[in-house]
Structures are given as structure tokens and as C-alpha cells.
Amino acid sequence: MPNLAFFEPIAIFTLLNVAMTVGLYVTALSGQLSMATAAIAGVGGYASGILTVKFGVPFVPAVLGGALLGGLFGCILALLTLKMRDFILKLTTLAAGEALSVLAFNWDYIGGANSFTGIPPHTGLLTCVIVAAMSLYVAWRFDGSRLGYAARAVRDDPLAAASMGVSVAQVRIVTFVVGSAIIGMAGSAQAHYLLVVTPSQLGFFVSLNYIIFLLFGGLQTLAGPVLGAVLLTALPEALRFANEYRLIVYGLIIVGVMLWRTDGLLGRTPLGVARRISGITLRSARLPQSMLRAEDILSSSTAAARPPASAVITGGERPSCC
């Protein structure tokens, strides 16, 4: 019989990683790949720890407070990076995370270099299941909403999205806030499992793990980050038979996927295209009703603007009015 005590920590960290990677997916939905995921999770962890230890706030309100503060920090980051693109945006979020880590290292009220300790142990397997389920539900609802479609339009071509009436600034702020709130909630739950929050947990190399999870699974669909987080969290444990070579094998697997599946393990099927596996059509994907209505309006307006055949002038003929 397998030792359940051995698998429980793996399951807990897998669920927490799923929640944080899903939050990063929502943040990146509008084209903003944040490199401050660990810093946002640390904000949630510190907030929840301070609320429970120093103010005696119950666990659930403390986690909600961590999510709120994580969303607030994400809003500030979104406002700072609103006009930035690509490399400069990533560099700014990386610098913000490192600055927050240095601040936590030198702030005695939250433990400073000695870390924030004494956090009560409220997080268990059931709590992590609830946190992961809430994260997936929020991301799923957002992914299929009008804002979700607008966010993907902004990610693919901000200029074209703006010309169609999409507010690029609003979409980017909303995606950053929602994704950061999810990450802050997961960071709060993680703090009550580890019972300590250290400044080193806010650094870039911790954030890099979640970026790898997202890119490995695929950032085009919600199932991608879930698959990436589950596989890459459990894979090092499954490779324990390789002893000291397991991390090398782990790295080679990631490199192989990035070489042969540049968009990640899972891609996204465009709307209106039938989904097929091994030559078998699973179902014909249909456009949302709102997009169908827009398509009908566009086709009718195009037909109305087209001149009738009798009004076309051919050769040297001149209209009767002239």
C-alpha cells in the first residue's frame, strides 16, 4: 500500500502551483507576461500572515485580504507598464519583484532577513483543492467572457483591437488585477502551509518556475498551464529513480518540448474550426452568438453598400443622367 503521507505534500504543492500558474495565465492573456509572480504571491503570503498573527483575523478573511492586496499590487504594476511592450515590460515587472524582495529583507515589522514566522497551520489538502478549484473557475469564466476575447485580441494585435473599439488600457489593467488576485490567494494559502514567508521567496528565480510551467503547457489555452504545473511539479518525484541525474533529465525534457512544441504541449483551436483527433471530428466548434450577430451585420452592410448590377458602367457607356 503506498504511503499517503509521502504523496500529500506533492499533491498540495501541485495544487498551489496550478493556482499560481493559472493566475499567471490570466495576466498573460492580454500579452503581459509578468516576471513578478513570486513577488505577488509573497505579498499575499505576508498580508495573510500579518492579519492572522498580529491582528487575529480568521483564516478565510485573511486569505481574501491577501488576494485583495495581491490584486492591488497587480493594478499598480499594470498602471506602471501600461505603455510598455515586450522586453521593457518584462524587465519592469522583474525589477518590481526584486525591489519588493529587497524591501521585505530590510523591513523589521515583517521579520526582515529573519523571515516572517509564527503563521498558524490552516492549509491542508482540502484547502488547496478549494483554492485551485476557485482559481480555475474564475479563470474559466474570464476566459470565455467578452473581456477574455478582447484580451486575446489585444495580445495578438493591440492596434487592430483598438481600431475595433476595444479599450486596450482597460483590458490590460483588468487581466493584471484578476490574475494577481488569484496569485495572491494562492500565496496566502501557501504561507499557511509553509508557516513562514521569506524574502527569497519573492525573487525572480521562483517566478521563473511558474513561467516555465506556463510555457511548457501552452499559454494559448487554460488547460495548458494546468497540465504544465501538474507535470513539472510531479516529474522530479517520478524521476527519483535517476538519483543525481534526475534534474538533468528534467531539464532535457523541458528543452525538448520547447524545441518541438514551440507553443507548448497544448494549443488553441480557432473558433469555427472543427476539433479533430486522429482523423476523428469530436465536434464542430461554433462561434459565440454575439460574434455571429456581428458577422451577419457586417455581411448585410457590405451587401447594402454594393451597387446594383444595372448601375455598373461598362466600356464607353455613360449614365442616362449625364
Protein backbone atom coordinates (compact mmCIF):
# COMPACT_ATOMS: atom_id res chain seq x y z
CA MET A 1 0.00 0.00 0.00
CA PRO A 2 1.50 3.39 -0.97
CA ASN A 3 2.47 5.81 1.77
CA LEU A 4 -0.15 8.56 1.58
CA ALA A 5 1.91 10.85 3.82
CA PHE A 6 4.58 10.90 1.10
CA PHE A 7 2.16 11.90 -1.68
CA GLU A 8 0.19 14.53 0.26
CA PRO A 9 2.88 17.29 0.14
CA ILE A 10 3.35 16.62 -3.59
CA ALA A 11 -0.40 16.97 -4.15
CA ILE A 12 -0.53 20.18 -2.08
CA PHE A 13 2.34 21.85 -3.94
CA THR A 14 0.90 20.68 -7.26
CA LEU A 15 -2.46 22.30 -6.50
CA LEU A 16 -0.81 25.53 -5.30
CA ASN A 17 1.35 25.65 -8.43
CA VAL A 18 -1.73 25.10 -10.58
CA ALA A 19 -3.46 28.07 -8.92
CA MET A 20 -0.45 30.37 -9.34
CA THR A 21 0.17 29.34 -12.95
CA VAL A 22 -3.49 29.88 -13.77
CA GLY A 23 -3.19 33.38 -12.29
CA LEU A 24 -0.15 33.99 -14.49
CA TYR A 25 -2.15 32.71 -17.49
CA VAL A 26 -4.87 35.31 -16.87
CA THR A 27 -2.23 38.03 -16.50
CA ALA A 28 -0.60 36.99 -19.80
CA LEU A 29 -3.94 36.76 -21.60
CA SER A 30 -3.60 40.34 -22.87
CA GLY A 31 0.07 39.95 -23.82
CA GLN A 32 1.67 40.92 -20.49
CA LEU A 33 3.93 38.10 -19.33
CA SER A 34 4.72 39.12 -15.75
CA MET A 35 8.00 38.12 -14.13
CA ALA A 36 6.83 39.11 -10.65
CA THR A 37 4.57 36.12 -9.91
CA ALA A 38 6.56 35.12 -6.82
CA ALA A 39 6.53 38.71 -5.55
CA ILE A 40 2.73 38.92 -5.90
CA ALA A 41 2.36 35.56 -4.12
CA GLY A 42 4.69 36.89 -1.42
CA VAL A 43 2.51 39.98 -0.99
CA GLY A 44 -0.47 37.69 -0.41
CA GLY A 45 1.54 35.50 1.98
CA TYR A 46 2.84 38.42 4.03
CA ALA A 47 -0.61 40.04 4.14
CA SER A 48 -2.32 36.86 5.30
CA GLY A 49 0.40 36.14 7.85
CA ILE A 50 0.28 39.65 9.33
CA LEU A 51 -3.52 39.61 9.51
CA THR A 52 -3.63 36.25 11.34
CA VAL A 53 -0.58 36.67 13.62
CA LYS A 54 -0.65 40.35 14.52
CA PHE A 55 -4.38 41.12 14.29
CA GLY A 56 -6.04 37.76 14.99
CA VAL A 57 -8.05 37.73 11.77
CA PRO A 58 -9.56 34.31 10.89
CA PHE A 59 -8.06 32.28 8.08
CA VAL A 60 -10.63 32.83 5.32
CA PRO A 61 -10.82 36.65 5.65
CA ALA A 62 -7.02 36.72 5.84
CA VAL A 63 -6.73 34.80 2.56
CA LEU A 64 -9.25 37.15 0.94
CA GLY A 65 -7.18 40.07 2.26
CA GLY A 66 -4.08 38.55 0.67
CA ALA A 67 -5.94 38.19 -2.64
CA LEU A 68 -7.12 41.81 -2.42
CA LEU A 69 -3.63 43.12 -1.70
CA GLY A 70 -2.19 40.97 -4.49
CA GLY A 71 -4.76 42.43 -6.89
CA LEU A 72 -3.89 45.94 -5.72
CA PHE A 73 -0.19 45.34 -6.34
CA GLY A 74 -1.06 43.94 -9.76
CA CYS A 75 -3.09 47.07 -10.52
CA ILE A 76 -0.09 49.26 -9.66
CA LEU A 77 2.12 47.15 -11.91
CA ALA A 78 -0.43 47.37 -14.73
CA LEU A 79 -0.56 51.16 -14.48
CA LEU A 80 3.24 51.39 -14.48
CA THR A 81 3.61 49.14 -17.53
CA LEU A 82 0.55 50.32 -19.47
CA LYS A 83 2.55 51.90 -22.31
CA MET A 84 5.30 49.26 -22.30
CA ARG A 85 5.67 46.28 -24.59
CA ASP A 86 7.66 43.05 -24.71
CA PHE A 87 11.17 43.26 -23.26
CA ILE A 88 10.73 46.55 -21.35
CA LEU A 89 7.51 45.30 -19.74
CA LYS A 90 9.13 42.05 -18.61
CA LEU A 91 12.17 43.92 -17.29
CA THR A 92 9.97 46.32 -15.31
CA THR A 93 7.97 43.53 -13.65
CA LEU A 94 11.23 41.71 -12.86
CA ALA A 95 12.65 44.88 -11.27
CA ALA A 96 9.45 45.42 -9.27
CA GLY A 97 9.64 41.90 -7.87
CA GLU A 98 13.30 42.27 -6.92
CA ALA A 99 12.62 45.65 -5.31
CA LEU A 100 9.84 44.10 -3.24
CA SER A 101 12.19 41.31 -2.17
CA VAL A 102 14.79 43.86 -1.01
CA LEU A 103 12.08 45.80 0.84
CA ALA A 104 10.93 42.66 2.65
CA PHE A 105 14.56 41.85 3.52
CA ASN A 106 15.01 45.22 5.25
CA TRP A 107 11.59 45.71 6.88
CA ASP A 108 11.76 44.59 10.51
CA TYR A 109 7.98 44.71 11.00
CA ILE A 110 7.55 41.69 8.72
CA GLY A 111 10.61 39.88 10.04
CA GLY A 112 13.23 41.29 7.70
CA ALA A 113 16.10 38.91 6.95
CA ASN A 114 14.86 36.52 9.67
CA SER A 115 11.61 35.93 7.73
CA PHE A 116 8.04 36.19 8.99
CA THR A 117 7.30 33.23 11.25
CA GLY A 118 4.58 32.01 13.58
CA ILE A 119 1.91 31.66 10.88
CA PRO A 120 -0.81 29.22 12.03
CA PRO A 121 -1.12 25.95 10.01
CA HIS A 122 -4.54 26.27 8.36
CA THR A 123 -3.75 24.94 4.88
CA GLY A 124 -4.30 21.27 4.12
CA LEU A 125 -5.11 19.18 1.06
CA LEU A 126 -8.80 20.14 1.09
CA THR A 127 -7.93 23.84 1.33
CA CYS A 128 -5.60 23.55 -1.66
CA VAL A 129 -8.29 21.73 -3.66
CA ILE A 130 -10.71 24.60 -2.93
CA VAL A 131 -8.11 27.26 -3.83
CA ALA A 132 -7.22 25.51 -7.11
CA ALA A 133 -10.91 24.98 -7.96
CA MET A 134 -11.73 28.65 -7.30
CA SER A 135 -8.78 29.76 -9.41
CA LEU A 136 -9.80 27.53 -12.31
CA TYR A 137 -13.44 28.65 -12.10
CA VAL A 138 -12.56 32.36 -12.14
CA ALA A 139 -10.07 31.87 -15.00
CA TRP A 140 -12.55 29.72 -16.96
CA ARG A 141 -15.33 32.30 -16.61
CA PHE A 142 -12.99 35.12 -17.54
CA ASP A 143 -11.52 33.16 -20.45
CA GLY A 144 -14.92 32.72 -22.11
CA SER A 145 -16.23 36.21 -21.38
CA ARG A 146 -16.23 39.25 -23.66
CA LEU A 147 -13.23 40.57 -21.74
CA GLY A 148 -11.41 37.30 -22.35
CA TYR A 149 -11.94 37.52 -26.11
CA ALA A 150 -10.95 41.20 -26.01
CA ALA A 151 -7.79 40.31 -24.06
CA ARG A 152 -6.73 37.75 -26.67
CA ALA A 153 -7.38 40.33 -29.41
CA VAL A 154 -5.14 42.81 -27.57
CA ARG A 155 -2.46 40.14 -27.18
CA ASP A 156 -2.48 39.26 -30.89
CA ASP A 157 -2.68 42.82 -32.29
CA PRO A 158 -3.29 45.81 -29.96
CA LEU A 159 -3.67 48.25 -32.87
CA ALA A 160 -6.32 46.16 -34.61
CA ALA A 161 -8.15 45.59 -31.30
CA ALA A 162 -8.17 49.34 -30.57
CA SER A 163 -9.49 50.07 -34.07
CA MET A 164 -12.43 47.74 -33.35
CA GLY A 165 -13.35 49.68 -30.22
CA VAL A 166 -11.53 47.59 -27.57
CA SER A 167 -10.05 49.64 -24.72
CA VAL A 168 -6.50 48.28 -24.59
CA ALA A 169 -5.71 50.03 -21.29
CA GLN A 170 -8.85 48.74 -19.56
CA VAL A 171 -8.30 45.16 -20.76
CA ARG A 172 -4.67 45.10 -19.61
CA ILE A 173 -5.50 46.50 -16.19
CA VAL A 174 -8.36 44.04 -15.65
CA THR A 175 -6.30 41.00 -16.68
CA PHE A 176 -3.42 42.05 -14.44
CA VAL A 177 -5.71 42.65 -11.46
CA VAL A 178 -7.67 39.39 -11.82
CA GLY A 179 -4.54 37.30 -12.38
CA SER A 180 -2.69 38.95 -9.48
CA ALA A 181 -5.66 38.41 -7.15
CA ILE A 182 -5.60 34.67 -7.97
CA ILE A 183 -1.84 34.55 -7.34
CA GLY A 184 -2.23 36.47 -4.06
CA MET A 185 -4.88 34.00 -2.87
CA ALA A 186 -2.62 31.04 -3.69
CA GLY A 187 0.33 32.75 -1.97
CA SER A 188 -1.77 33.27 1.15
CA ALA A 189 -2.73 29.59 1.25
CA GLN A 190 0.89 28.58 0.71
CA ALA A 191 2.04 30.75 3.64
CA HIS A 192 -0.32 28.87 5.96
CA TYR A 193 1.19 25.58 4.81
CA LEU A 194 4.87 26.52 4.95
CA LEU A 195 4.26 28.55 8.17
CA VAL A 196 6.94 31.04 7.13
CA VAL A 197 7.40 33.70 4.45
CA THR A 198 10.97 34.61 3.49
CA PRO A 199 12.21 37.46 1.26
CA SER A 200 13.93 34.92 -1.01
CA GLN A 201 10.51 33.52 -1.95
CA LEU A 202 9.77 36.81 -3.75
CA GLY A 203 12.74 36.63 -6.15
CA PHE A 204 12.88 36.11 -9.91
CA PHE A 205 14.16 32.53 -9.83
CA VAL A 206 10.99 31.44 -8.03
CA SER A 207 8.88 33.31 -10.60
CA LEU A 208 10.80 31.55 -13.36
CA ASN A 209 9.28 28.22 -12.27
CA TYR A 210 5.75 29.47 -12.99
CA ILE A 211 6.83 30.94 -16.34
CA ILE A 212 8.26 27.52 -17.30
CA PHE A 213 5.01 25.82 -16.21
CA LEU A 214 3.02 28.20 -18.42
CA LEU A 215 5.24 27.97 -21.50
CA PHE A 216 5.65 24.19 -21.14
CA GLY A 217 1.91 23.52 -21.03
CA GLY A 218 0.96 26.24 -23.52
CA LEU A 219 -0.30 29.77 -22.93
CA GLN A 220 -2.96 29.66 -25.66
CA THR A 221 -5.50 27.69 -23.63
CA LEU A 222 -6.47 27.34 -19.96
CA ALA A 223 -5.68 23.63 -19.92
CA GLY A 224 -2.05 24.40 -20.83
CA PRO A 225 -0.91 25.94 -17.51
CA VAL A 226 -2.78 23.25 -15.57
CA LEU A 227 -1.03 20.47 -17.50
CA GLY A 228 2.34 22.20 -17.22
CA ALA A 229 2.07 22.76 -13.47
CA VAL A 230 0.93 19.18 -12.79
CA LEU A 231 3.57 17.52 -14.96
CA LEU A 232 6.55 19.63 -13.93
CA THR A 233 5.69 19.52 -10.22
CA ALA A 234 5.29 15.75 -10.16
CA LEU A 235 8.02 14.95 -12.72
CA PRO A 236 11.04 15.45 -10.41
CA GLU A 237 9.48 12.99 -7.96
CA ALA A 238 8.75 10.50 -10.74
CA LEU A 239 12.41 10.75 -11.83
CA ARG A 240 13.84 9.94 -8.41
CA PHE A 241 15.00 6.59 -9.76
CA ALA A 242 17.64 8.54 -11.72
CA ASN A 243 19.15 9.91 -8.48
CA GLU A 244 21.57 12.77 -9.17
CA TYR A 245 20.76 12.71 -12.90
CA ARG A 246 17.07 13.43 -12.46
CA LEU A 247 17.41 17.23 -12.72
CA ILE A 248 19.41 16.80 -15.93
CA VAL A 249 16.67 14.58 -17.37
CA TYR A 250 14.08 17.10 -16.15
CA GLY A 251 15.88 19.91 -18.00
CA LEU A 252 16.25 17.86 -21.18
CA ILE A 253 12.50 17.13 -21.22
CA ILE A 254 11.71 20.87 -20.95
CA VAL A 255 14.22 21.74 -23.69
CA GLY A 256 12.79 19.02 -25.94
CA VAL A 257 9.24 20.32 -25.59
CA MET A 258 10.37 23.89 -26.26
CA LEU A 259 12.17 22.76 -29.43
CA TRP A 260 9.46 20.57 -30.93
CA ARG A 261 6.37 22.22 -29.46
CA THR A 262 7.18 25.93 -29.51
CA ASP A 263 3.65 26.89 -28.39
CA GLY A 264 3.65 24.36 -25.54
CA LEU A 265 2.08 20.94 -25.22
CA LEU A 266 -1.47 22.23 -25.80
CA GLY A 267 -2.54 24.66 -28.50
CA ARG A 268 -5.77 26.52 -29.11
CA THR A 269 -8.27 25.58 -31.81
CA PRO A 270 -9.57 28.73 -33.58
CA LEU A 271 -13.27 29.48 -33.31
CA GLY A 272 -15.33 27.98 -36.12
CA VAL A 273 -12.81 25.19 -36.80
CA ALA A 274 -13.77 21.57 -36.14
CA ARG A 275 -11.75 19.83 -33.43
CA ARG A 276 -10.15 16.64 -34.75
CA ILE A 277 -8.04 13.94 -33.09
CA SER A 278 -6.51 11.16 -35.20
CA GLY A 279 -8.82 11.99 -38.09
CA ILE A 280 -11.97 11.85 -35.93
CA THR A 281 -14.07 15.00 -35.59
CA LEU A 282 -15.01 15.47 -31.95
CA ARG A 283 -17.37 18.37 -32.51
CA SER A 284 -17.74 21.35 -34.75
CA ALA A 285 -16.71 24.47 -32.89
CA ARG A 286 -19.29 27.26 -33.15
CA LEU A 287 -18.83 30.98 -32.88
CA PRO A 288 -20.48 32.77 -29.93
CA GLN A 289 -23.88 34.28 -30.73
CA SER A 290 -22.57 37.82 -30.29
CA MET A 291 -19.88 37.20 -32.92
CA LEU A 292 -22.42 35.58 -35.25
CA ARG A 293 -24.66 38.63 -34.97
CA ALA A 294 -21.69 40.90 -35.69
CA GLU A 295 -20.82 38.78 -38.73
CA ASP A 296 -24.43 39.00 -40.04
CA ILE A 297 -24.48 42.77 -39.58
CA LEU A 298 -21.16 43.13 -41.39
CA SER A 299 -22.28 40.96 -44.32
CA SER A 300 -25.63 42.80 -44.65
CA SER A 301 -23.95 46.20 -44.57
CA THR A 302 -21.46 45.07 -47.22
CA ALA A 303 -24.30 43.85 -49.43
CA ALA A 304 -26.17 47.14 -48.99
CA ALA A 305 -23.10 49.14 -49.95
CA ARG A 306 -22.53 47.12 -53.14
CA PRO A 307 -24.10 48.89 -56.19
CA PRO A 308 -26.73 47.02 -58.21
CA ALA A 309 -25.68 45.36 -61.44
CA SER A 310 -27.71 47.86 -63.52
CA ALA A 311 -25.69 50.76 -62.12
CA VAL A 312 -22.35 49.41 -63.27
CA ILE A 313 -20.88 51.35 -66.19
CA THR A 314 -19.16 49.20 -68.76
CA GLY A 315 -16.97 50.17 -71.66
CA GLY A 316 -17.71 53.62 -73.03
CA GLU A 317 -21.33 53.79 -71.85
CA ARG A 318 -22.41 56.82 -69.88
CA PRO A 319 -25.22 57.03 -67.34
CA SER A 320 -28.52 58.43 -68.62
CA CYS A 321 -28.38 61.33 -66.16
CA CYS A 322 -25.33 62.76 -67.98
